[in-house]
Amino acid sequence: MERYKTRGTCSQEIDFEVNPDGTIQSVKFIGGCSGNTQGVAALLRGMDIDEAIRRLDGIRCGFRPTSCPDQLAQALKRYREEKLQR
């Protein structure tokens, strides 16, 4: 289980797991809009990490420069750089 401390969002952190093949096994947001974050997590289950990053990167929440989905993209980018040999 990986843990990422978010910045600039209602959620405080994101816990996630990535399978050895680079697909997302699970995502759990700590804090934030419960229904929305559960929906994002359910939609991402089984998705390739690169596809998830492509879809989520740059999403904004209102006037904020980031969002919970964007913060997950940042977490996945860091994970990919540090842990995946792609």
C-alpha atoms as a PDB file:
ATOM      1  CA  MET A   1       0.000   0.000   0.000  1.00  0.00           C
ATOM      2  CA  GLU A   2       1.346   3.384  -1.038  1.00  0.00           C
ATOM      3  CA  ARG A   3       0.428   6.591   0.775  1.00  0.00           C
ATOM      4  CA  TYR A   4       0.469  10.077  -0.765  1.00  0.00           C
ATOM      5  CA  LYS A   5      -0.094  13.282   1.224  1.00  0.00           C
ATOM      6  CA  THR A   6      -2.249  15.592  -0.885  1.00  0.00           C
ATOM      7  CA  ARG A   7      -1.819  19.343  -1.294  1.00  0.00           C
ATOM      8  CA  GLY A   8      -4.522  21.914  -2.006  1.00  0.00           C
ATOM      9  CA  THR A   9      -7.532  19.579  -1.728  1.00  0.00           C
ATOM     10  CA  CYS A  10     -10.196  18.621   0.800  1.00  0.00           C
ATOM     11  CA  SER A  11      -8.748  15.110   1.000  1.00  0.00           C
ATOM     12  CA  GLN A  12      -5.695  14.789   3.232  1.00  0.00           C
ATOM     13  CA  GLU A  13      -4.112  11.733   1.654  1.00  0.00           C
ATOM     14  CA  ILE A  14      -4.565   8.932  -0.839  1.00  0.00           C
ATOM     15  CA  ASP A  15      -3.784   5.277  -0.224  1.00  0.00           C
ATOM     16  CA  PHE A  16      -3.380   3.153  -3.338  1.00  0.00           C
ATOM     17  CA  GLU A  17      -2.021  -0.147  -4.620  1.00  0.00           C
ATOM     18  CA  VAL A  18      -0.638  -0.896  -8.073  1.00  0.00           C
ATOM     19  CA  ASN A  19      -0.322  -4.451  -9.400  1.00  0.00           C
ATOM     20  CA  PRO A  20       3.033  -5.674 -10.780  1.00  0.00           C
ATOM     21  CA  ASP A  21       1.630  -5.320 -14.321  1.00  0.00           C
ATOM     22  CA  GLY A  22       1.041  -1.579 -13.794  1.00  0.00           C
ATOM     23  CA  THR A  23      -2.718  -1.701 -13.280  1.00  0.00           C
ATOM     24  CA  ILE A  24      -4.416  -0.063 -10.327  1.00  0.00           C
ATOM     25  CA  GLN A  25      -5.615  -2.517  -7.702  1.00  0.00           C
ATOM     26  CA  SER A  26      -7.210  -0.089  -5.240  1.00  0.00           C
ATOM     27  CA  VAL A  27      -7.529   3.584  -4.333  1.00  0.00           C
ATOM     28  CA  LYS A  28      -8.805   5.111  -1.097  1.00  0.00           C
ATOM     29  CA  PHE A  29      -9.040   8.848  -0.460  1.00  0.00           C
ATOM     30  CA  ILE A  30      -8.844   9.997   3.152  1.00  0.00           C
ATOM     31  CA  GLY A  31     -11.211  12.939   3.420  1.00  0.00           C
ATOM     32  CA  GLY A  32     -12.741  14.782   0.505  1.00  0.00           C
ATOM     33  CA  CYS A  33     -16.181  14.324  -1.036  1.00  0.00           C
ATOM     34  CA  SER A  34     -16.956  10.725  -0.149  1.00  0.00           C
ATOM     35  CA  GLY A  35     -19.252   9.867  -3.053  1.00  0.00           C
ATOM     36  CA  ASN A  36     -17.001  11.456  -5.663  1.00  0.00           C
ATOM     37  CA  THR A  37     -13.793   9.915  -4.372  1.00  0.00           C
ATOM     38  CA  GLN A  38     -15.412   6.474  -4.068  1.00  0.00           C
ATOM     39  CA  GLY A  39     -16.634   6.816  -7.652  1.00  0.00           C
ATOM     40  CA  VAL A  40     -13.178   7.768  -8.925  1.00  0.00           C
ATOM     41  CA  ALA A  41     -11.660   4.840  -7.038  1.00  0.00           C
ATOM     42  CA  ALA A  42     -14.178   2.371  -8.469  1.00  0.00           C
ATOM     43  CA  LEU A  43     -13.670   3.593 -12.041  1.00  0.00           C
ATOM     44  CA  LEU A  44      -9.884   3.300 -11.794  1.00  0.00           C
ATOM     45  CA  ARG A  45      -9.791  -0.266 -10.478  1.00  0.00           C
ATOM     46  CA  GLY A  46      -8.039  -2.394 -13.116  1.00  0.00           C
ATOM     47  CA  MET A  47      -6.986   0.605 -15.239  1.00  0.00           C
ATOM     48  CA  ASP A  48      -3.418   0.947 -16.495  1.00  0.00           C
ATOM     49  CA  ILE A  49      -1.501   3.518 -14.460  1.00  0.00           C
ATOM     50  CA  ASP A  50      -0.512   5.520 -17.571  1.00  0.00           C
ATOM     51  CA  GLU A  51      -4.124   5.736 -18.734  1.00  0.00           C
ATOM     52  CA  ALA A  52      -5.244   6.891 -15.276  1.00  0.00           C
ATOM     53  CA  ILE A  53      -2.568   9.594 -15.253  1.00  0.00           C
ATOM     54  CA  ARG A  54      -3.575  10.722 -18.737  1.00  0.00           C
ATOM     55  CA  ARG A  55      -7.227  11.032 -17.729  1.00  0.00           C
ATOM     56  CA  LEU A  56      -6.756  12.678 -14.313  1.00  0.00           C
ATOM     57  CA  ASP A  57      -3.752  14.974 -14.712  1.00  0.00           C
ATOM     58  CA  GLY A  58      -4.672  18.655 -14.691  1.00  0.00           C
ATOM     59  CA  ILE A  59      -8.276  18.350 -13.463  1.00  0.00           C
ATOM     60  CA  ARG A  60      -9.134  21.375 -11.345  1.00  0.00           C
ATOM     61  CA  CYS A  61     -11.676  21.795  -8.541  1.00  0.00           C
ATOM     62  CA  GLY A  62     -13.405  25.129  -8.914  1.00  0.00           C
ATOM     63  CA  PHE A  63     -10.806  27.885  -8.728  1.00  0.00           C
ATOM     64  CA  ARG A  64      -8.207  25.618  -7.147  1.00  0.00           C
ATOM     65  CA  PRO A  65      -5.220  24.716  -9.327  1.00  0.00           C
ATOM     66  CA  THR A  66      -5.662  21.023  -8.440  1.00  0.00           C
ATOM     67  CA  SER A  67      -8.290  18.470  -7.382  1.00  0.00           C
ATOM     68  CA  CYS A  68      -8.485  15.072  -5.722  1.00  0.00           C
ATOM     69  CA  PRO A  69      -8.217  13.316  -9.125  1.00  0.00           C
ATOM     70  CA  ASP A  70      -5.265  15.539 -10.105  1.00  0.00           C
ATOM     71  CA  GLN A  71      -3.543  14.757  -6.809  1.00  0.00           C
ATOM     72  CA  LEU A  72      -3.989  11.044  -7.521  1.00  0.00           C
ATOM     73  CA  ALA A  73      -2.366  11.591 -10.929  1.00  0.00           C
ATOM     74  CA  GLN A  74       0.588  13.255  -9.176  1.00  0.00           C
ATOM     75  CA  ALA A  75       0.834  10.322  -6.749  1.00  0.00           C
ATOM     76  CA  LEU A  76       0.748   7.823  -9.610  1.00  0.00           C
ATOM     77  CA  LYS A  77       3.406   9.751 -11.554  1.00  0.00           C
ATOM     78  CA  ARG A  78       5.724   9.677  -8.553  1.00  0.00           C
ATOM     79  CA  TYR A  79       5.031   5.976  -8.026  1.00  0.00           C
ATOM     80  CA  ARG A  80       5.726   5.242 -11.688  1.00  0.00           C
ATOM     81  CA  GLU A  81       9.040   7.125 -11.578  1.00  0.00           C
ATOM     82  CA  GLU A  82      10.187   5.499  -8.345  1.00  0.00           C
ATOM     83  CA  LYS A  83       8.833   1.956  -8.557  1.00  0.00           C
ATOM     84  CA  LEU A  84       7.868   0.896 -12.079  1.00  0.00           C
ATOM     85  CA  GLN A  85      10.442  -0.014 -14.657  1.00  0.00           C
ATOM     86  CA  ARG A  86       8.605   1.122 -17.806  1.00  0.00           C
END
